[in-house]
Amino acid sequence: DAFVSGHINNAMAIIALQWLRLRRAGIDAT
């Protein structure tokens, strides 16, 4: 929610969060 609302807006955190969201859904993005 902090990312969607713009409070987290640095590339490193955004890339990592998107990767983790995929991982939690069972998708290995690596």
All heavy atoms as atom14 arrays in JSON, in Angstrom:
{
  "sequence": "DAFVSGHINNAMAIIALQWLRLRRAGIDAT",
  "atom14_mask": [
    [1, 1, 1, 1, 1, 1, 1, 1, 0, 0, 0, 0, 0, 0],
    [1, 1, 1, 1, 1, 0, 0, 0, 0, 0, 0, 0, 0, 0],
    [1, 1, 1, 1, 1, 1, 1, 1, 1, 1, 1, 0, 0, 0],
    [1, 1, 1, 1, 1, 1, 1, 0, 0, 0, 0, 0, 0, 0],
    [1, 1, 1, 1, 1, 1, 0, 0, 0, 0, 0, 0, 0, 0],
    [1, 1, 1, 1, 0, 0, 0, 0, 0, 0, 0, 0, 0, 0],
    [1, 1, 1, 1, 1, 1, 1, 1, 1, 1, 0, 0, 0, 0],
    [1, 1, 1, 1, 1, 1, 1, 1, 0, 0, 0, 0, 0, 0],
    [1, 1, 1, 1, 1, 1, 1, 1, 0, 0, 0, 0, 0, 0],
    [1, 1, 1, 1, 1, 1, 1, 1, 0, 0, 0, 0, 0, 0],
    [1, 1, 1, 1, 1, 0, 0, 0, 0, 0, 0, 0, 0, 0],
    [1, 1, 1, 1, 1, 1, 1, 1, 0, 0, 0, 0, 0, 0],
    [1, 1, 1, 1, 1, 0, 0, 0, 0, 0, 0, 0, 0, 0],
    [1, 1, 1, 1, 1, 1, 1, 1, 0, 0, 0, 0, 0, 0],
    [1, 1, 1, 1, 1, 1, 1, 1, 0, 0, 0, 0, 0, 0],
    [1, 1, 1, 1, 1, 0, 0, 0, 0, 0, 0, 0, 0, 0],
    [1, 1, 1, 1, 1, 1, 1, 1, 0, 0, 0, 0, 0, 0],
    [1, 1, 1, 1, 1, 1, 1, 1, 1, 0, 0, 0, 0, 0],
    [1, 1, 1, 1, 1, 1, 1, 1, 1, 1, 1, 1, 1, 1],
    [1, 1, 1, 1, 1, 1, 1, 1, 0, 0, 0, 0, 0, 0],
    [1, 1, 1, 1, 1, 1, 1, 1, 1, 1, 1, 0, 0, 0],
    [1, 1, 1, 1, 1, 1, 1, 1, 0, 0, 0, 0, 0, 0],
    [1, 1, 1, 1, 1, 1, 1, 1, 1, 1, 1, 0, 0, 0],
    [1, 1, 1, 1, 1, 1, 1, 1, 1, 1, 1, 0, 0, 0],
    [1, 1, 1, 1, 1, 0, 0, 0, 0, 0, 0, 0, 0, 0],
    [1, 1, 1, 1, 0, 0, 0, 0, 0, 0, 0, 0, 0, 0],
    [1, 1, 1, 1, 1, 1, 1, 1, 0, 0, 0, 0, 0, 0],
    [1, 1, 1, 1, 1, 1, 1, 1, 0, 0, 0, 0, 0, 0],
    [1, 1, 1, 1, 1, 0, 0, 0, 0, 0, 0, 0, 0, 0],
    [1, 1, 1, 1, 1, 1, 1, 0, 0, 0, 0, 0, 0, 0]
  ],
  "atom14_positions": [
    [[0.83, -1.21, 0.0], [0.0, 0.0, 0.0], [0.87, 1.26, 0.0], [0.53, 2.27, -0.64], [-0.93, 0.01, 1.22], [-2.07, -0.99, 1.1], [-2.32, -1.48, -0.03], [-2.7, -1.3, 2.13], [0.0, 0.0, 0.0], [0.0, 0.0, 0.0], [0.0, 0.0, 0.0], [0.0, 0.0, 0.0], [0.0, 0.0, 0.0], [0.0, 0.0, 0.0]],
    [[1.99, 1.21, 0.72], [2.91, 2.35, 0.74], [3.51, 2.59, -0.64], [3.73, 3.74, -1.04], [4.01, 2.12, 1.77], [0.0, 0.0, 0.0], [0.0, 0.0, 0.0], [0.0, 0.0, 0.0], [0.0, 0.0, 0.0], [0.0, 0.0, 0.0], [0.0, 0.0, 0.0], [0.0, 0.0, 0.0], [0.0, 0.0, 0.0], [0.0, 0.0, 0.0]],
    [[3.76, 1.52, -1.38], [4.25, 1.64, -2.75], [3.17, 2.21, -3.67], [3.41, 3.18, -4.4], [4.71, 0.27, -3.26], [4.68, 0.11, -4.75], [5.35, 0.99, -5.59], [3.98, -0.94, -5.33], [5.32, 0.84, -6.97], [3.94, -1.1, -6.7], [4.61, -0.21, -7.52], [0.0, 0.0, 0.0], [0.0, 0.0, 0.0], [0.0, 0.0, 0.0]],
    [[1.96, 1.67, -3.59], [0.87, 2.13, -4.45], [0.54, 3.6, -4.19], [0.22, 4.36, -5.12], [-0.38, 1.24, -4.25], [-1.58, 1.81, -4.99], [-0.1, -0.19, -4.72], [0.0, 0.0, 0.0], [0.0, 0.0, 0.0], [0.0, 0.0, 0.0], [0.0, 0.0, 0.0], [0.0, 0.0, 0.0], [0.0, 0.0, 0.0], [0.0, 0.0, 0.0]],
    [[0.64, 4.02, -2.93], [0.31, 5.4, -2.58], [1.44, 6.37, -2.87], [1.27, 7.58, -2.71], [-0.07, 5.48, -1.1], [1.06, 5.15, -0.28], [0.0, 0.0, 0.0], [0.0, 0.0, 0.0], [0.0, 0.0, 0.0], [0.0, 0.0, 0.0], [0.0, 0.0, 0.0], [0.0, 0.0, 0.0], [0.0, 0.0, 0.0], [0.0, 0.0, 0.0]],
    [[2.61, 5.86, -3.28], [3.73, 6.72, -3.63], [4.7, 7.01, -2.51], [5.66, 7.75, -2.71], [0.0, 0.0, 0.0], [0.0, 0.0, 0.0], [0.0, 0.0, 0.0], [0.0, 0.0, 0.0], [0.0, 0.0, 0.0], [0.0, 0.0, 0.0], [0.0, 0.0, 0.0], [0.0, 0.0, 0.0], [0.0, 0.0, 0.0], [0.0, 0.0, 0.0]],
    [[4.49, 6.44, -1.33], [5.42, 6.67, -0.23], [6.72, 5.89, -0.41], [7.77, 6.29, 0.09], [4.77, 6.3, 1.11], [3.71, 7.26, 1.52], [2.37, 7.03, 1.32], [3.78, 8.49, 2.11], [1.66, 8.05, 1.76], [2.5, 8.95, 2.24], [0.0, 0.0, 0.0], [0.0, 0.0, 0.0], [0.0, 0.0, 0.0], [0.0, 0.0, 0.0]],
    [[6.64, 4.77, -1.11], [7.85, 4.04, -1.51], [7.99, 4.27, -3.01], [7.2, 3.75, -3.81], [7.74, 2.54, -1.2], [7.7, 2.3, 0.31], [8.92, 1.78, -1.82], [7.54, 0.85, 0.71], [0.0, 0.0, 0.0], [0.0, 0.0, 0.0], [0.0, 0.0, 0.0], [0.0, 0.0, 0.0], [0.0, 0.0, 0.0], [0.0, 0.0, 0.0]],
    [[8.98, 5.07, -3.4], [9.11, 5.4, -4.81], [10.55, 5.41, -5.29], [10.92, 6.19, -6.17], [8.44, 6.75, -5.11], [9.0, 7.9, -4.3], [9.93, 7.71, -3.5], [8.46, 9.09, -4.48], [0.0, 0.0, 0.0], [0.0, 0.0, 0.0], [0.0, 0.0, 0.0], [0.0, 0.0, 0.0], [0.0, 0.0, 0.0], [0.0, 0.0, 0.0]],
    [[11.37, 4.54, -4.71], [12.73, 4.36, -5.22], [12.8, 3.03, -5.97], [12.15, 2.05, -5.6], [13.77, 4.42, -4.1], [13.58, 3.35, -3.05], [14.11, 2.25, -3.18], [12.81, 3.65, -2.0], [0.0, 0.0, 0.0], [0.0, 0.0, 0.0], [0.0, 0.0, 0.0], [0.0, 0.0, 0.0], [0.0, 0.0, 0.0], [0.0, 0.0, 0.0]],
    [[13.59, 3.0, -7.04], [13.6, 1.86, -7.96], [13.96, 0.54, -7.28], [13.34, -0.49, -7.54], [14.56, 2.14, -9.1], [0.0, 0.0, 0.0], [0.0, 0.0, 0.0], [0.0, 0.0, 0.0], [0.0, 0.0, 0.0], [0.0, 0.0, 0.0], [0.0, 0.0, 0.0], [0.0, 0.0, 0.0], [0.0, 0.0, 0.0], [0.0, 0.0, 0.0]],
    [[14.95, 0.57, -6.4], [15.4, -0.66, -5.76], [14.27, -1.34, -4.99], [14.03, -2.54, -5.13], [16.58, -0.38, -4.83], [17.2, -1.61, -4.2], [18.46, -1.2, -2.96], [19.69, -0.4, -3.98], [0.0, 0.0, 0.0], [0.0, 0.0, 0.0], [0.0, 0.0, 0.0], [0.0, 0.0, 0.0], [0.0, 0.0, 0.0], [0.0, 0.0, 0.0]],
    [[13.56, -0.57, -4.19], [12.46, -1.14, -3.39], [11.31, -1.59, -4.28], [10.71, -2.64, -4.04], [11.97, -0.12, -2.37], [0.0, 0.0, 0.0], [0.0, 0.0, 0.0], [0.0, 0.0, 0.0], [0.0, 0.0, 0.0], [0.0, 0.0, 0.0], [0.0, 0.0, 0.0], [0.0, 0.0, 0.0], [0.0, 0.0, 0.0], [0.0, 0.0, 0.0]],
    [[10.99, -0.82, -5.31], [9.88, -1.17, -6.2], [10.15, -2.47, -6.94], [9.29, -3.36, -7.02], [9.61, -0.03, -7.2], [9.05, 1.19, -6.46], [8.65, -0.47, -8.29], [8.94, 2.44, -7.32], [0.0, 0.0, 0.0], [0.0, 0.0, 0.0], [0.0, 0.0, 0.0], [0.0, 0.0, 0.0], [0.0, 0.0, 0.0], [0.0, 0.0, 0.0]],
    [[11.37, -2.61, -7.49], [11.73, -3.85, -8.19], [11.63, -5.04, -7.25], [11.09, -6.1, -7.59], [13.14, -3.74, -8.78], [13.16, -2.69, -9.89], [13.62, -5.09, -9.32], [14.56, -2.32, -10.36], [0.0, 0.0, 0.0], [0.0, 0.0, 0.0], [0.0, 0.0, 0.0], [0.0, 0.0, 0.0], [0.0, 0.0, 0.0], [0.0, 0.0, 0.0]],
    [[12.17, -4.87, -6.03], [12.16, -5.96, -5.06], [10.74, -6.35, -4.64], [10.42, -7.53, -4.51], [12.98, -5.58, -3.83], [0.0, 0.0, 0.0], [0.0, 0.0, 0.0], [0.0, 0.0, 0.0], [0.0, 0.0, 0.0], [0.0, 0.0, 0.0], [0.0, 0.0, 0.0], [0.0, 0.0, 0.0], [0.0, 0.0, 0.0], [0.0, 0.0, 0.0]],
    [[9.89, -5.35, -4.43], [8.51, -5.63, -4.02], [7.74, -6.36, -5.12], [6.97, -7.29, -4.84], [7.79, -4.33, -3.66], [8.18, -3.7, -2.33], [7.48, -2.35, -2.18], [7.81, -4.62, -1.17], [0.0, 0.0, 0.0], [0.0, 0.0, 0.0], [0.0, 0.0, 0.0], [0.0, 0.0, 0.0], [0.0, 0.0, 0.0], [0.0, 0.0, 0.0]],
    [[7.94, -5.97, -6.36], [7.27, -6.65, -7.46], [7.75, -8.09, -7.58], [6.97, -9.0, -7.85], [7.48, -5.88, -8.76], [6.76, -4.54, -8.77], [7.09, -3.69, -9.97], [8.17, -3.79, -10.53], [6.15, -2.85, -10.38], [0.0, 0.0, 0.0], [0.0, 0.0, 0.0], [0.0, 0.0, 0.0], [0.0, 0.0, 0.0], [0.0, 0.0, 0.0]],
    [[9.06, -8.28, -7.37], [9.62, -9.64, -7.4], [9.01, -10.49, -6.28], [8.63, -11.64, -6.5], [11.14, -9.57, -7.24], [11.83, -10.9, -7.21], [12.29, -11.63, -8.26], [12.12, -11.69, -6.03], [12.84, -12.8, -7.83], [12.76, -12.88, -6.47], [11.91, -11.5, -4.67], [13.17, -13.86, -5.58], [12.33, -12.48, -3.78], [12.95, -13.65, -4.24]],
    [[8.9, -9.91, -5.08], [8.35, -10.65, -3.94], [6.87, -10.97, -4.16], [6.41, -12.05, -3.78], [8.54, -9.86, -2.65], [8.04, -10.54, -1.37], [8.72, -11.89, -1.16], [8.25, -9.63, -0.16], [0.0, 0.0, 0.0], [0.0, 0.0, 0.0], [0.0, 0.0, 0.0], [0.0, 0.0, 0.0], [0.0, 0.0, 0.0], [0.0, 0.0, 0.0]],
    [[6.14, -10.06, -4.75], [4.73, -10.31, -5.03], [4.57, -11.52, -5.96], [3.69, -12.36, -5.77], [4.08, -9.08, -5.64], [2.55, -9.18, -5.73], [1.94, -7.88, -6.23], [0.49, -7.96, -6.28], [-0.33, -7.65, -5.27], [0.19, -7.22, -4.13], [-1.63, -7.75, -5.4], [0.0, 0.0, 0.0], [0.0, 0.0, 0.0], [0.0, 0.0, 0.0]],
    [[5.44, -11.61, -6.96], [5.42, -12.77, -7.86], [5.8, -14.04, -7.09], [5.17, -15.1, -7.27], [6.4, -12.55, -9.01], [6.01, -11.49, -10.05], [7.16, -11.25, -11.02], [4.75, -11.91, -10.8], [0.0, 0.0, 0.0], [0.0, 0.0, 0.0], [0.0, 0.0, 0.0], [0.0, 0.0, 0.0], [0.0, 0.0, 0.0], [0.0, 0.0, 0.0]],
    [[6.8, -13.94, -6.24], [7.26, -15.11, -5.48], [6.16, -15.61, -4.56], [5.94, -16.82, -4.45], [8.51, -14.74, -4.67], [9.11, -15.9, -3.87], [10.33, -15.43, -3.09], [10.9, -16.47, -2.26], [11.83, -17.32, -2.65], [12.29, -17.28, -3.89], [12.31, -18.25, -1.83], [0.0, 0.0, 0.0], [0.0, 0.0, 0.0], [0.0, 0.0, 0.0]],
    [[5.44, -14.7, -3.9], [4.35, -15.09, -3.02], [3.22, -15.76, -3.8], [2.45, -16.53, -3.25], [3.82, -13.88, -2.26], [4.79, -13.33, -1.23], [4.39, -11.97, -0.7], [3.35, -12.06, 0.31], [2.07, -11.69, 0.14], [1.69, -11.21, -1.03], [1.21, -11.79, 1.13], [0.0, 0.0, 0.0], [0.0, 0.0, 0.0], [0.0, 0.0, 0.0]],
    [[3.13, -15.44, -5.11], [2.11, -16.05, -5.97], [2.6, -17.34, -6.61], [1.88, -17.94, -7.42], [1.69, -15.06, -7.05], [0.0, 0.0, 0.0], [0.0, 0.0, 0.0], [0.0, 0.0, 0.0], [0.0, 0.0, 0.0], [0.0, 0.0, 0.0], [0.0, 0.0, 0.0], [0.0, 0.0, 0.0], [0.0, 0.0, 0.0], [0.0, 0.0, 0.0]],
    [[3.81, -17.77, -6.24], [4.34, -19.03, -6.76], [5.07, -18.9, -8.07], [5.35, -19.9, -8.74], [0.0, 0.0, 0.0], [0.0, 0.0, 0.0], [0.0, 0.0, 0.0], [0.0, 0.0, 0.0], [0.0, 0.0, 0.0], [0.0, 0.0, 0.0], [0.0, 0.0, 0.0], [0.0, 0.0, 0.0], [0.0, 0.0, 0.0], [0.0, 0.0, 0.0]],
    [[5.42, -17.67, -8.48], [6.13, -17.44, -9.73], [7.57, -17.08, -9.43], [7.84, -16.14, -8.69], [5.47, -16.3, -10.55], [4.02, -16.64, -10.85], [6.25, -16.04, -11.83], [3.25, -15.5, -11.46], [0.0, 0.0, 0.0], [0.0, 0.0, 0.0], [0.0, 0.0, 0.0], [0.0, 0.0, 0.0], [0.0, 0.0, 0.0], [0.0, 0.0, 0.0]],
    [[8.5, -17.86, -10.0], [9.92, -17.59, -9.79], [10.4, -16.63, -10.87], [10.66, -17.01, -12.01], [10.73, -18.9, -9.86], [12.2, -18.69, -9.5], [12.6, -17.51, -9.35], [12.93, -19.67, -9.39], [0.0, 0.0, 0.0], [0.0, 0.0, 0.0], [0.0, 0.0, 0.0], [0.0, 0.0, 0.0], [0.0, 0.0, 0.0], [0.0, 0.0, 0.0]],
    [[10.51, -15.36, -10.52], [10.89, -14.33, -11.49], [12.38, -14.32, -11.78], [12.84, -13.55, -12.62], [10.45, -12.96, -10.98], [0.0, 0.0, 0.0], [0.0, 0.0, 0.0], [0.0, 0.0, 0.0], [0.0, 0.0, 0.0], [0.0, 0.0, 0.0], [0.0, 0.0, 0.0], [0.0, 0.0, 0.0], [0.0, 0.0, 0.0], [0.0, 0.0, 0.0]],
    [[13.17, -15.15, -11.09], [14.61, -15.21, -11.37], [14.92, -16.22, -12.46], [16.05, -16.31, -12.92], [15.4, -15.59, -10.1], [14.97, -16.88, -9.64], [15.19, -14.57, -9.01], [0.0, 0.0, 0.0], [0.0, 0.0, 0.0], [0.0, 0.0, 0.0], [0.0, 0.0, 0.0], [0.0, 0.0, 0.0], [0.0, 0.0, 0.0], [0.0, 0.0, 0.0]]
  ]
}
